[in-house]
Amino acid sequence: MATVLDSVRAFFAQSAFAIDSENAGDVVARERLLDRAMGEGRFRKSSEKLRHGRVPAEGLALVARDRDGHMIGTVRLWNVEAGIDASGAPVPALLLGPLAVDPDHEGKGIGSALMRAALTEARNLGHGAVLLVGDAPYYERFGFFAEKACHLVMPGPFERHRFLALELKEGWLEGTAGVLVASGRRLGRPEFNKAA
């Protein structure tokens, strides 16, 4: 993770922000940023059903900070099972979201920088695929397409054309079908997390 973050920091050294790992002290700032950027409707999304009561995938919660250290962007990835493969085995994947940038800092490349850092780190950690629900014209530039997710469904209402996937390993989602299921570690006391 340090190598990825160092390279992103070097690339944006002249910019007004830096990409960093989320830390425990970021919780309040992250929630305020998400409320401001996405509103209360974010809690009704099908993606939230997969995130609720879980912690993000290890090493895959990133933030953008301005020069004063204030959080101005966030992205998190979550462990899920992306249906089953032809043999009936669950297929591990990641669900991306939410990706949000403080409205006062939009248009500065912060969202793109967060996406590139998150996808690079996910690839470096050995993950096979990333799924998300979002605007295809924005996410296609990162390699996300609806065709890769055509045999998968979200656990609740979703717009099919906005359900996108990126294979980090060629053919990872080939032959998979079914409903996404949360598989990440649960929030709460450590003794309850062992079985998750």
N, C-alpha and C. Protein backbone atom coordinates (compact mmCIF):
# COMPACT_ATOMS: atom_id res chain seq x y z
N MET A 1 0.83 -1.19 0.00
CA MET A 1 0.00 0.00 0.00
C MET A 1 0.86 1.24 0.00
N ALA A 2 1.93 1.25 0.76
CA ALA A 2 2.77 2.44 0.85
C ALA A 2 3.35 2.81 -0.51
N THR A 3 3.72 1.81 -1.31
CA THR A 3 4.29 2.08 -2.63
C THR A 3 3.27 2.76 -3.52
N VAL A 4 2.04 2.27 -3.51
CA VAL A 4 0.98 2.86 -4.33
C VAL A 4 0.73 4.29 -3.89
N LEU A 5 0.57 4.48 -2.60
CA LEU A 5 0.30 5.82 -2.10
C LEU A 5 1.46 6.77 -2.37
N ASP A 6 2.70 6.30 -2.25
CA ASP A 6 3.86 7.14 -2.55
C ASP A 6 3.86 7.57 -4.01
N SER A 7 3.52 6.65 -4.93
CA SER A 7 3.51 7.01 -6.34
C SER A 7 2.39 7.99 -6.66
N VAL A 8 1.21 7.81 -6.03
CA VAL A 8 0.11 8.74 -6.24
C VAL A 8 0.48 10.10 -5.66
N ARG A 9 1.08 10.10 -4.47
CA ARG A 9 1.51 11.37 -3.86
C ARG A 9 2.51 12.09 -4.75
N ALA A 10 3.47 11.36 -5.32
CA ALA A 10 4.48 11.97 -6.18
C ALA A 10 3.83 12.55 -7.43
N PHE A 11 2.86 11.83 -8.01
CA PHE A 11 2.18 12.30 -9.21
C PHE A 11 1.44 13.59 -8.96
N PHE A 12 0.80 13.68 -7.78
CA PHE A 12 0.00 14.86 -7.46
C PHE A 12 0.73 15.82 -6.52
N ALA A 13 2.06 15.75 -6.48
CA ALA A 13 2.83 16.57 -5.55
C ALA A 13 2.55 18.06 -5.73
N GLN A 14 2.32 18.48 -6.97
CA GLN A 14 2.06 19.88 -7.22
C GLN A 14 0.59 20.25 -7.06
N SER A 15 -0.25 19.27 -6.84
CA SER A 15 -1.67 19.55 -6.72
C SER A 15 -2.02 19.95 -5.30
N ALA A 16 -3.29 20.24 -5.13
CA ALA A 16 -3.75 20.73 -3.83
C ALA A 16 -4.32 19.61 -2.96
N PHE A 17 -4.04 18.36 -3.30
CA PHE A 17 -4.55 17.26 -2.48
C PHE A 17 -3.59 16.08 -2.53
N ALA A 18 -3.78 15.17 -1.57
CA ALA A 18 -2.98 13.94 -1.50
C ALA A 18 -3.92 12.79 -1.17
N ILE A 19 -3.59 11.60 -1.68
CA ILE A 19 -4.36 10.38 -1.40
C ILE A 19 -3.69 9.67 -0.24
N ASP A 20 -4.49 9.19 0.71
CA ASP A 20 -3.97 8.54 1.90
C ASP A 20 -4.93 7.43 2.32
N SER A 21 -4.48 6.58 3.21
CA SER A 21 -5.35 5.56 3.80
C SER A 21 -6.29 6.21 4.78
N GLU A 22 -7.52 5.73 4.80
CA GLU A 22 -8.48 6.20 5.79
C GLU A 22 -8.02 5.72 7.16
N ASN A 23 -8.25 6.53 8.19
CA ASN A 23 -7.92 6.10 9.55
C ASN A 23 -9.13 6.28 10.45
N ALA A 24 -9.04 5.76 11.66
CA ALA A 24 -10.18 5.76 12.58
C ALA A 24 -10.69 7.17 12.86
N GLY A 25 -9.82 8.16 12.82
CA GLY A 25 -10.22 9.53 13.08
C GLY A 25 -10.98 10.19 11.93
N ASP A 26 -11.14 9.49 10.83
CA ASP A 26 -11.81 10.04 9.65
C ASP A 26 -13.32 9.80 9.62
N VAL A 27 -13.84 9.04 10.57
CA VAL A 27 -15.24 8.61 10.51
C VAL A 27 -16.21 9.78 10.40
N VAL A 28 -16.12 10.75 11.29
CA VAL A 28 -17.07 11.86 11.30
C VAL A 28 -16.93 12.69 10.03
N ALA A 29 -15.70 13.01 9.64
CA ALA A 29 -15.48 13.80 8.42
C ALA A 29 -16.00 13.06 7.19
N ARG A 30 -15.79 11.74 7.13
CA ARG A 30 -16.27 10.96 5.99
C ARG A 30 -17.79 10.99 5.90
N GLU A 31 -18.45 10.77 7.02
CA GLU A 31 -19.92 10.77 7.01
C GLU A 31 -20.48 12.14 6.64
N ARG A 32 -19.86 13.20 7.12
CA ARG A 32 -20.31 14.56 6.74
C ARG A 32 -20.10 14.80 5.26
N LEU A 33 -18.96 14.36 4.75
CA LEU A 33 -18.68 14.53 3.32
C LEU A 33 -19.72 13.77 2.49
N LEU A 34 -20.02 12.53 2.87
CA LEU A 34 -21.00 11.72 2.14
C LEU A 34 -22.39 12.34 2.21
N ASP A 35 -22.78 12.86 3.37
CA ASP A 35 -24.08 13.53 3.50
C ASP A 35 -24.14 14.73 2.56
N ARG A 36 -23.07 15.48 2.52
CA ARG A 36 -23.02 16.69 1.69
C ARG A 36 -23.02 16.35 0.20
N ALA A 37 -22.26 15.34 -0.18
CA ALA A 37 -22.12 15.00 -1.59
C ALA A 37 -23.27 14.15 -2.12
N MET A 38 -23.86 13.29 -1.27
CA MET A 38 -24.84 12.32 -1.76
C MET A 38 -26.21 12.42 -1.12
N GLY A 39 -26.32 13.08 0.00
CA GLY A 39 -27.60 13.24 0.66
C GLY A 39 -28.06 11.99 1.40
N GLU A 40 -29.22 12.11 2.00
CA GLU A 40 -29.77 11.01 2.80
C GLU A 40 -30.17 9.80 1.96
N GLY A 41 -30.42 10.00 0.68
CA GLY A 41 -30.84 8.91 -0.20
C GLY A 41 -29.82 7.80 -0.30
N ARG A 42 -28.59 8.08 0.07
CA ARG A 42 -27.54 7.05 -0.03
C ARG A 42 -27.84 5.83 0.83
N PHE A 43 -28.60 6.00 1.90
CA PHE A 43 -28.90 4.89 2.80
C PHE A 43 -29.95 3.93 2.24
N ARG A 44 -30.65 4.34 1.18
CA ARG A 44 -31.69 3.50 0.59
C ARG A 44 -31.20 2.68 -0.60
N LYS A 45 -29.96 2.83 -0.96
CA LYS A 45 -29.43 2.14 -2.13
C LYS A 45 -29.16 0.66 -1.83
N SER A 46 -29.28 -0.16 -2.86
CA SER A 46 -29.01 -1.60 -2.71
C SER A 46 -27.57 -1.85 -2.27
N SER A 47 -26.65 -1.02 -2.72
CA SER A 47 -25.25 -1.17 -2.32
C SER A 47 -25.10 -1.06 -0.81
N GLU A 48 -25.90 -0.21 -0.21
CA GLU A 48 -25.82 -0.02 1.24
C GLU A 48 -26.19 -1.30 1.99
N LYS A 49 -27.06 -2.11 1.42
CA LYS A 49 -27.43 -3.39 2.05
C LYS A 49 -26.21 -4.30 2.16
N LEU A 50 -25.31 -4.21 1.18
CA LEU A 50 -24.11 -5.04 1.20
C LEU A 50 -23.03 -4.47 2.12
N ARG A 51 -23.07 -3.17 2.37
CA ARG A 51 -22.07 -2.52 3.23
C ARG A 51 -22.49 -2.49 4.69
N HIS A 52 -23.80 -2.48 4.93
CA HIS A 52 -24.31 -2.28 6.29
C HIS A 52 -23.76 -3.34 7.27
N GLY A 53 -23.20 -2.86 8.36
CA GLY A 53 -22.70 -3.75 9.40
C GLY A 53 -21.37 -4.42 9.06
N ARG A 54 -20.70 -3.96 8.01
CA ARG A 54 -19.42 -4.55 7.58
C ARG A 54 -18.31 -3.50 7.62
N VAL A 55 -17.09 -3.97 7.59
CA VAL A 55 -15.95 -3.07 7.46
C VAL A 55 -15.41 -3.20 6.03
N PRO A 56 -14.80 -2.13 5.51
CA PRO A 56 -14.26 -2.21 4.14
C PRO A 56 -13.19 -3.29 4.02
N ALA A 57 -12.93 -3.70 2.80
CA ALA A 57 -11.89 -4.68 2.52
C ALA A 57 -10.55 -4.14 3.04
N GLU A 58 -9.74 -5.01 3.55
CA GLU A 58 -8.45 -4.65 4.14
C GLU A 58 -7.61 -3.81 3.17
N GLY A 59 -7.21 -2.62 3.63
CA GLY A 59 -6.34 -1.75 2.84
C GLY A 59 -7.03 -1.03 1.71
N LEU A 60 -8.36 -1.08 1.65
CA LEU A 60 -9.06 -0.50 0.51
C LEU A 60 -10.09 0.56 0.92
N ALA A 61 -9.72 1.38 1.88
CA ALA A 61 -10.50 2.56 2.26
C ALA A 61 -9.54 3.74 2.16
N LEU A 62 -9.76 4.58 1.15
CA LEU A 62 -8.84 5.69 0.87
C LEU A 62 -9.55 7.03 0.97
N VAL A 63 -8.77 8.05 1.26
CA VAL A 63 -9.30 9.41 1.33
C VAL A 63 -8.37 10.35 0.57
N ALA A 64 -8.94 11.47 0.15
CA ALA A 64 -8.15 12.57 -0.41
C ALA A 64 -8.18 13.69 0.63
N ARG A 65 -7.03 14.27 0.88
CA ARG A 65 -6.92 15.37 1.85
C ARG A 65 -6.37 16.61 1.14
N ASP A 66 -6.87 17.77 1.56
CA ASP A 66 -6.30 19.00 1.03
C ASP A 66 -4.99 19.30 1.74
N ARG A 67 -4.35 20.38 1.39
CA ARG A 67 -3.03 20.71 1.97
C ARG A 67 -3.08 20.92 3.47
N ASP A 68 -4.26 21.23 4.00
CA ASP A 68 -4.41 21.42 5.45
C ASP A 68 -4.79 20.13 6.16
N GLY A 69 -4.89 19.03 5.41
CA GLY A 69 -5.22 17.74 6.01
C GLY A 69 -6.70 17.45 6.12
N HIS A 70 -7.56 18.33 5.59
CA HIS A 70 -9.00 18.09 5.65
C HIS A 70 -9.41 17.09 4.56
N MET A 71 -10.32 16.19 4.91
CA MET A 71 -10.81 15.21 3.95
C MET A 71 -11.68 15.89 2.91
N ILE A 72 -11.36 15.67 1.63
CA ILE A 72 -12.14 16.25 0.55
C ILE A 72 -12.62 15.19 -0.45
N GLY A 73 -12.30 13.93 -0.18
CA GLY A 73 -12.76 12.84 -1.03
C GLY A 73 -12.62 11.51 -0.32
N THR A 74 -13.43 10.54 -0.72
CA THR A 74 -13.39 9.22 -0.10
C THR A 74 -13.80 8.14 -1.10
N VAL A 75 -13.20 6.97 -0.96
CA VAL A 75 -13.63 5.79 -1.69
C VAL A 75 -13.34 4.57 -0.82
N ARG A 76 -14.25 3.61 -0.87
CA ARG A 76 -14.07 2.37 -0.11
C ARG A 76 -14.49 1.20 -0.98
N LEU A 77 -13.83 0.07 -0.78
CA LEU A 77 -14.20 -1.17 -1.46
C LEU A 77 -14.54 -2.22 -0.41
N TRP A 78 -15.49 -3.09 -0.75
CA TRP A 78 -16.06 -4.04 0.19
C TRP A 78 -16.00 -5.45 -0.37
N ASN A 79 -15.74 -6.42 0.49
CA ASN A 79 -15.73 -7.82 0.07
C ASN A 79 -17.16 -8.31 -0.17
N VAL A 80 -17.36 -8.95 -1.32
CA VAL A 80 -18.65 -9.55 -1.65
C VAL A 80 -18.39 -10.89 -2.35
N GLU A 81 -19.44 -11.67 -2.44
CA GLU A 81 -19.44 -12.85 -3.31
C GLU A 81 -20.27 -12.46 -4.52
N ALA A 82 -19.66 -12.54 -5.69
CA ALA A 82 -20.32 -12.14 -6.93
C ALA A 82 -20.97 -13.36 -7.57
N GLY A 83 -22.02 -13.86 -6.94
CA GLY A 83 -22.70 -15.03 -7.45
C GLY A 83 -21.85 -16.28 -7.32
N ILE A 84 -22.12 -17.24 -8.18
CA ILE A 84 -21.37 -18.51 -8.16
C ILE A 84 -20.83 -18.79 -9.56
N ASP A 85 -19.79 -19.61 -9.61
CA ASP A 85 -19.22 -19.98 -10.91
C ASP A 85 -19.91 -21.25 -11.43
N ALA A 86 -19.43 -21.78 -12.55
CA ALA A 86 -20.06 -22.95 -13.18
C ALA A 86 -20.05 -24.19 -12.29
N SER A 87 -19.10 -24.26 -11.36
CA SER A 87 -19.03 -25.42 -10.46
C SER A 87 -19.88 -25.23 -9.21
N GLY A 88 -20.49 -24.04 -9.05
CA GLY A 88 -21.31 -23.77 -7.88
C GLY A 88 -20.56 -23.12 -6.74
N ALA A 89 -19.30 -22.77 -6.95
CA ALA A 89 -18.49 -22.12 -5.90
C ALA A 89 -18.71 -20.61 -5.92
N PRO A 90 -18.77 -19.98 -4.74
CA PRO A 90 -18.91 -18.52 -4.70
C PRO A 90 -17.67 -17.85 -5.29
N VAL A 91 -17.89 -16.71 -5.95
CA VAL A 91 -16.82 -15.97 -6.60
C VAL A 91 -16.53 -14.70 -5.80
N PRO A 92 -15.36 -14.62 -5.16
CA PRO A 92 -15.03 -13.41 -4.40
C PRO A 92 -14.77 -12.23 -5.33
N ALA A 93 -15.24 -11.07 -4.89
CA ALA A 93 -15.04 -9.83 -5.65
C ALA A 93 -15.10 -8.67 -4.67
N LEU A 94 -15.00 -7.48 -5.22
CA LEU A 94 -15.10 -6.26 -4.43
C LEU A 94 -16.25 -5.42 -4.96
N LEU A 95 -16.92 -4.70 -4.05
CA LEU A 95 -17.94 -3.73 -4.42
C LEU A 95 -17.38 -2.36 -4.09
N LEU A 96 -17.33 -1.48 -5.07
CA LEU A 96 -16.79 -0.14 -4.87
C LEU A 96 -17.90 0.82 -4.51
N GLY A 97 -17.65 1.63 -3.51
CA GLY A 97 -18.57 2.70 -3.19
C GLY A 97 -18.70 2.95 -1.70
N PRO A 98 -19.14 4.10 -1.39
CA PRO A 98 -19.32 5.19 -2.33
C PRO A 98 -18.00 5.89 -2.66
N LEU A 99 -17.95 6.45 -3.84
CA LEU A 99 -16.88 7.36 -4.25
C LEU A 99 -17.50 8.75 -4.18
N ALA A 100 -16.92 9.62 -3.41
CA ALA A 100 -17.49 10.96 -3.26
C ALA A 100 -16.38 11.99 -3.10
N VAL A 101 -16.65 13.17 -3.65
CA VAL A 101 -15.75 14.31 -3.53
C VAL A 101 -16.56 15.47 -2.98
N ASP A 102 -15.98 16.20 -2.06
CA ASP A 102 -16.63 17.38 -1.51
C ASP A 102 -17.06 18.29 -2.67
N PRO A 103 -18.32 18.73 -2.69
CA PRO A 103 -18.79 19.56 -3.80
C PRO A 103 -17.94 20.80 -4.06
N ASP A 104 -17.29 21.34 -3.04
CA ASP A 104 -16.44 22.53 -3.22
C ASP A 104 -15.13 22.20 -3.94
N HIS A 105 -14.84 20.91 -4.12
CA HIS A 105 -13.57 20.50 -4.73
C HIS A 105 -13.76 19.65 -5.98
N GLU A 106 -14.96 19.64 -6.54
CA GLU A 106 -15.21 18.86 -7.75
C GLU A 106 -14.46 19.46 -8.94
N GLY A 107 -14.15 18.61 -9.91
CA GLY A 107 -13.49 19.07 -11.12
C GLY A 107 -11.99 19.23 -11.01
N LYS A 108 -11.40 18.73 -9.95
CA LYS A 108 -9.95 18.86 -9.74
C LYS A 108 -9.21 17.54 -9.92
N GLY A 109 -9.91 16.50 -10.39
CA GLY A 109 -9.27 15.20 -10.58
C GLY A 109 -9.19 14.35 -9.34
N ILE A 110 -9.86 14.75 -8.30
CA ILE A 110 -9.80 14.01 -7.02
C ILE A 110 -10.47 12.65 -7.14
N GLY A 111 -11.66 12.61 -7.73
CA GLY A 111 -12.36 11.33 -7.90
C GLY A 111 -11.55 10.36 -8.74
N SER A 112 -10.98 10.85 -9.83
CA SER A 112 -10.15 9.99 -10.70
C SER A 112 -8.93 9.47 -9.96
N ALA A 113 -8.29 10.33 -9.19
CA ALA A 113 -7.11 9.92 -8.43
C ALA A 113 -7.47 8.85 -7.40
N LEU A 114 -8.60 9.02 -6.72
CA LEU A 114 -9.05 8.03 -5.75
C LEU A 114 -9.34 6.70 -6.44
N MET A 115 -10.01 6.74 -7.58
CA MET A 115 -10.33 5.52 -8.33
C MET A 115 -9.05 4.79 -8.74
N ARG A 116 -8.12 5.51 -9.33
CA ARG A 116 -6.89 4.88 -9.81
C ARG A 116 -6.10 4.27 -8.65
N ALA A 117 -6.02 4.97 -7.55
CA ALA A 117 -5.29 4.45 -6.39
C ALA A 117 -5.99 3.21 -5.83
N ALA A 118 -7.32 3.24 -5.72
CA ALA A 118 -8.07 2.11 -5.19
C ALA A 118 -7.95 0.88 -6.09
N LEU A 119 -8.06 1.08 -7.39
CA LEU A 119 -7.98 -0.06 -8.32
C LEU A 119 -6.57 -0.63 -8.37
N THR A 120 -5.57 0.23 -8.32
CA THR A 120 -4.19 -0.25 -8.30
C THR A 120 -3.92 -1.07 -7.05
N GLU A 121 -4.40 -0.58 -5.92
CA GLU A 121 -4.18 -1.30 -4.67
C GLU A 121 -4.95 -2.62 -4.66
N ALA A 122 -6.19 -2.62 -5.17
CA ALA A 122 -6.97 -3.86 -5.24
C ALA A 122 -6.25 -4.90 -6.10
N ARG A 123 -5.71 -4.46 -7.22
CA ARG A 123 -4.95 -5.37 -8.11
C ARG A 123 -3.71 -5.89 -7.38
N ASN A 124 -2.99 -5.00 -6.71
CA ASN A 124 -1.78 -5.40 -5.98
C ASN A 124 -2.07 -6.38 -4.85
N LEU A 125 -3.27 -6.29 -4.27
CA LEU A 125 -3.65 -7.20 -3.19
C LEU A 125 -4.20 -8.53 -3.72
N GLY A 126 -4.28 -8.67 -5.04
CA GLY A 126 -4.67 -9.95 -5.63
C GLY A 126 -6.15 -10.15 -5.87
N HIS A 127 -6.95 -9.10 -5.77
CA HIS A 127 -8.39 -9.25 -6.02
C HIS A 127 -8.65 -9.46 -7.51
N GLY A 128 -9.76 -10.15 -7.81
CA GLY A 128 -10.04 -10.53 -9.19
C GLY A 128 -10.97 -9.61 -9.94
N ALA A 129 -11.90 -8.95 -9.25
CA ALA A 129 -12.87 -8.10 -9.94
C ALA A 129 -13.45 -7.07 -8.99
N VAL A 130 -13.93 -5.97 -9.58
CA VAL A 130 -14.59 -4.90 -8.82
C VAL A 130 -15.92 -4.61 -9.51
N LEU A 131 -16.97 -4.50 -8.70
CA LEU A 131 -18.30 -4.16 -9.21
C LEU A 131 -18.75 -2.85 -8.58
N LEU A 132 -19.67 -2.17 -9.25
CA LEU A 132 -20.22 -0.93 -8.71
C LEU A 132 -21.52 -0.60 -9.42
N VAL A 133 -22.28 0.30 -8.82
CA VAL A 133 -23.46 0.87 -9.46
C VAL A 133 -23.15 2.34 -9.63
N GLY A 134 -23.10 2.79 -10.90
CA GLY A 134 -22.74 4.18 -11.17
C GLY A 134 -22.95 4.55 -12.62
N ASP A 135 -22.58 5.76 -12.96
CA ASP A 135 -22.75 6.28 -14.31
C ASP A 135 -21.72 5.69 -15.24
N ALA A 136 -22.18 4.92 -16.23
CA ALA A 136 -21.28 4.26 -17.17
C ALA A 136 -20.32 5.22 -17.87
N PRO A 137 -20.78 6.38 -18.35
CA PRO A 137 -19.83 7.27 -19.04
C PRO A 137 -18.64 7.69 -18.16
N TYR A 138 -18.85 7.82 -16.87
CA TYR A 138 -17.75 8.17 -15.97
C TYR A 138 -16.84 6.96 -15.72
N TYR A 139 -17.42 5.82 -15.41
CA TYR A 139 -16.63 4.67 -14.98
C TYR A 139 -16.02 3.85 -16.12
N GLU A 140 -16.52 4.02 -17.34
CA GLU A 140 -15.93 3.30 -18.47
C GLU A 140 -14.47 3.66 -18.68
N ARG A 141 -14.09 4.90 -18.36
CA ARG A 141 -12.68 5.30 -18.53
C ARG A 141 -11.73 4.51 -17.64
N PHE A 142 -12.27 3.88 -16.60
CA PHE A 142 -11.46 3.05 -15.71
C PHE A 142 -11.56 1.57 -16.08
N GLY A 143 -12.35 1.24 -17.10
CA GLY A 143 -12.48 -0.14 -17.55
C GLY A 143 -13.73 -0.87 -17.08
N PHE A 144 -14.70 -0.15 -16.50
CA PHE A 144 -15.94 -0.77 -16.03
C PHE A 144 -16.97 -0.81 -17.16
N PHE A 145 -17.62 -1.99 -17.31
CA PHE A 145 -18.65 -2.14 -18.33
C PHE A 145 -19.78 -3.01 -17.81
N ALA A 146 -21.00 -2.74 -18.29
CA ALA A 146 -22.18 -3.48 -17.86
C ALA A 146 -22.14 -4.94 -18.32
N GLU A 147 -21.52 -5.22 -19.45
CA GLU A 147 -21.50 -6.58 -19.99
C GLU A 147 -20.86 -7.57 -19.01
N LYS A 148 -19.86 -7.13 -18.28
CA LYS A 148 -19.17 -8.03 -17.34
C LYS A 148 -20.05 -8.41 -16.15
N ALA A 149 -21.10 -7.62 -15.89
CA ALA A 149 -21.98 -7.89 -14.75
C ALA A 149 -23.37 -8.36 -15.19
N CYS A 150 -23.52 -8.74 -16.45
CA CYS A 150 -24.86 -9.00 -16.99
C CYS A 150 -25.57 -10.21 -16.35
N HIS A 151 -24.85 -11.13 -15.75
CA HIS A 151 -25.48 -12.30 -15.13
C HIS A 151 -25.52 -12.19 -13.61
N LEU A 152 -25.21 -11.01 -13.10
CA LEU A 152 -25.23 -10.77 -11.66
C LEU A 152 -26.31 -9.75 -11.33
N VAL A 153 -26.82 -9.81 -10.10
CA VAL A 153 -27.84 -8.84 -9.67
C VAL A 153 -27.52 -8.36 -8.26
N MET A 154 -28.01 -7.16 -7.97
CA MET A 154 -27.87 -6.58 -6.65
C MET A 154 -29.01 -7.09 -5.76
N PRO A 155 -28.82 -7.08 -4.43
CA PRO A 155 -29.87 -7.55 -3.52
C PRO A 155 -30.92 -6.47 -3.24
N GLY A 156 -31.65 -6.10 -4.24
CA GLY A 156 -32.65 -5.03 -4.12
C GLY A 156 -32.72 -4.26 -5.42
N PRO A 157 -33.52 -3.22 -5.47
CA PRO A 157 -33.69 -2.47 -6.70
C PRO A 157 -32.37 -1.86 -7.18
N PHE A 158 -32.15 -1.92 -8.49
CA PHE A 158 -30.98 -1.28 -9.09
C PHE A 158 -31.27 -1.10 -10.57
N GLU A 159 -30.55 -0.17 -11.17
CA GLU A 159 -30.70 0.07 -12.60
C GLU A 159 -29.67 -0.78 -13.34
N ARG A 160 -30.14 -1.71 -14.15
CA ARG A 160 -29.26 -2.68 -14.82
C ARG A 160 -28.13 -1.99 -15.59
N HIS A 161 -28.43 -0.93 -16.32
CA HIS A 161 -27.41 -0.27 -17.14
C HIS A 161 -26.34 0.43 -16.31
N ARG A 162 -26.61 0.62 -15.02
CA ARG A 162 -25.63 1.28 -14.12
C ARG A 162 -24.82 0.26 -13.30
N PHE A 163 -25.13 -1.01 -13.44
CA PHE A 163 -24.42 -2.07 -12.70
C PHE A 163 -23.25 -2.50 -13.57
N LEU A 164 -22.03 -2.15 -13.12
CA LEU A 164 -20.82 -2.29 -13.93
C LEU A 164 -19.78 -3.15 -13.24
N ALA A 165 -18.89 -3.72 -14.04
CA ALA A 165 -17.81 -4.54 -13.47
C ALA A 165 -16.51 -4.31 -14.22
N LEU A 166 -15.43 -4.52 -13.50
CA LEU A 166 -14.07 -4.48 -14.04
C LEU A 166 -13.36 -5.73 -13.56
N GLU A 167 -12.83 -6.50 -14.49
CA GLU A 167 -12.03 -7.66 -14.12
C GLU A 167 -10.58 -7.22 -13.93
N LEU A 168 -10.05 -7.44 -12.74
CA LEU A 168 -8.65 -7.16 -12.47
C LEU A 168 -7.79 -8.34 -12.93
N LYS A 169 -8.43 -9.51 -12.98
CA LYS A 169 -7.79 -10.72 -13.52
C LYS A 169 -8.67 -11.20 -14.67
N GLU A 170 -8.09 -11.35 -15.83
CA GLU A 170 -8.81 -11.74 -17.04
C GLU A 170 -9.69 -12.97 -16.80
N GLY A 171 -10.97 -12.86 -17.17
CA GLY A 171 -11.90 -13.98 -17.09
C GLY A 171 -12.44 -14.26 -15.70
N TRP A 172 -12.17 -13.42 -14.73
CA TRP A 172 -12.57 -13.67 -13.34
C TRP A 172 -14.08 -13.87 -13.19
N LEU A 173 -14.86 -13.09 -13.92
CA LEU A 173 -16.32 -13.16 -13.79
C LEU A 173 -16.96 -14.05 -14.85
N GLU A 174 -16.18 -14.65 -15.70
CA GLU A 174 -16.72 -15.50 -16.75
C GLU A 174 -17.48 -16.68 -16.15
N GLY A 175 -18.73 -16.85 -16.59
CA GLY A 175 -19.54 -17.96 -16.11
C GLY A 175 -20.17 -17.75 -14.75
N THR A 176 -20.01 -16.56 -14.15
CA THR A 176 -20.62 -16.31 -12.85
C THR A 176 -22.05 -15.84 -13.02
N ALA A 177 -22.89 -16.16 -12.05
CA ALA A 177 -24.29 -15.74 -12.07
C ALA A 177 -24.81 -15.74 -10.64
N GLY A 178 -25.78 -14.86 -10.38
CA GLY A 178 -26.42 -14.85 -9.08
C GLY A 178 -26.46 -13.47 -8.45
N VAL A 179 -26.87 -13.45 -7.20
CA VAL A 179 -27.04 -12.23 -6.42
C VAL A 179 -25.78 -11.95 -5.61
N LEU A 180 -25.36 -10.69 -5.59
CA LEU A 180 -24.22 -10.32 -4.75
C LEU A 180 -24.58 -10.51 -3.29
N VAL A 181 -23.62 -11.03 -2.51
CA VAL A 181 -23.80 -11.28 -1.09
C VAL A 181 -22.61 -10.69 -0.35
N ALA A 182 -22.87 -9.99 0.74
CA ALA A 182 -21.77 -9.44 1.55
C ALA A 182 -20.95 -10.57 2.13
N SER A 183 -19.64 -10.43 2.10
CA SER A 183 -18.77 -11.47 2.67
C SER A 183 -17.67 -10.89 3.54
N GLY A 184 -17.65 -9.58 3.69
CA GLY A 184 -16.60 -8.94 4.48
C GLY A 184 -16.78 -9.11 5.97
N ARG A 185 -15.75 -8.74 6.68
CA ARG A 185 -15.75 -8.82 8.14
C ARG A 185 -16.82 -7.90 8.72
N ARG A 186 -17.52 -8.38 9.73
CA ARG A 186 -18.59 -7.62 10.36
C ARG A 186 -18.04 -6.61 11.36
N LEU A 187 -18.77 -5.51 11.50
CA LEU A 187 -18.47 -4.55 12.55
C LEU A 187 -18.82 -5.18 13.89
N GLY A 188 -18.23 -4.71 14.94
CA GLY A 188 -18.60 -5.21 16.26
C GLY A 188 -17.43 -5.77 17.00
N ARG A 189 -17.74 -6.57 18.00
CA ARG A 189 -16.70 -7.13 18.86
C ARG A 189 -15.89 -8.17 18.10
N PRO A 190 -14.59 -8.23 18.34
CA PRO A 190 -13.70 -9.14 17.63
C PRO A 190 -14.13 -10.60 17.65
N GLU A 191 -14.70 -11.08 18.76
CA GLU A 191 -15.07 -12.49 18.82
C GLU A 191 -16.18 -12.84 17.82
N PHE A 192 -16.99 -11.84 17.44
CA PHE A 192 -18.04 -12.08 16.45
C PHE A 192 -17.49 -12.01 15.03
N ASN A 193 -16.37 -11.36 14.83
CA ASN A 193 -15.80 -11.18 13.50
C ASN A 193 -15.09 -12.44 12.99
N LYS A 194 -14.74 -13.36 13.88
CA LYS A 194 -13.97 -14.53 13.47
C LYS A 194 -14.72 -15.40 12.46
N ALA A 195 -16.03 -15.48 12.60
CA ALA A 195 -16.81 -16.35 11.71
C ALA A 195 -17.19 -15.64 10.42
N ALA A 196 -17.01 -14.35 10.34
CA ALA A 196 -17.46 -13.59 9.18
C ALA A 196 -16.54 -13.74 8.00
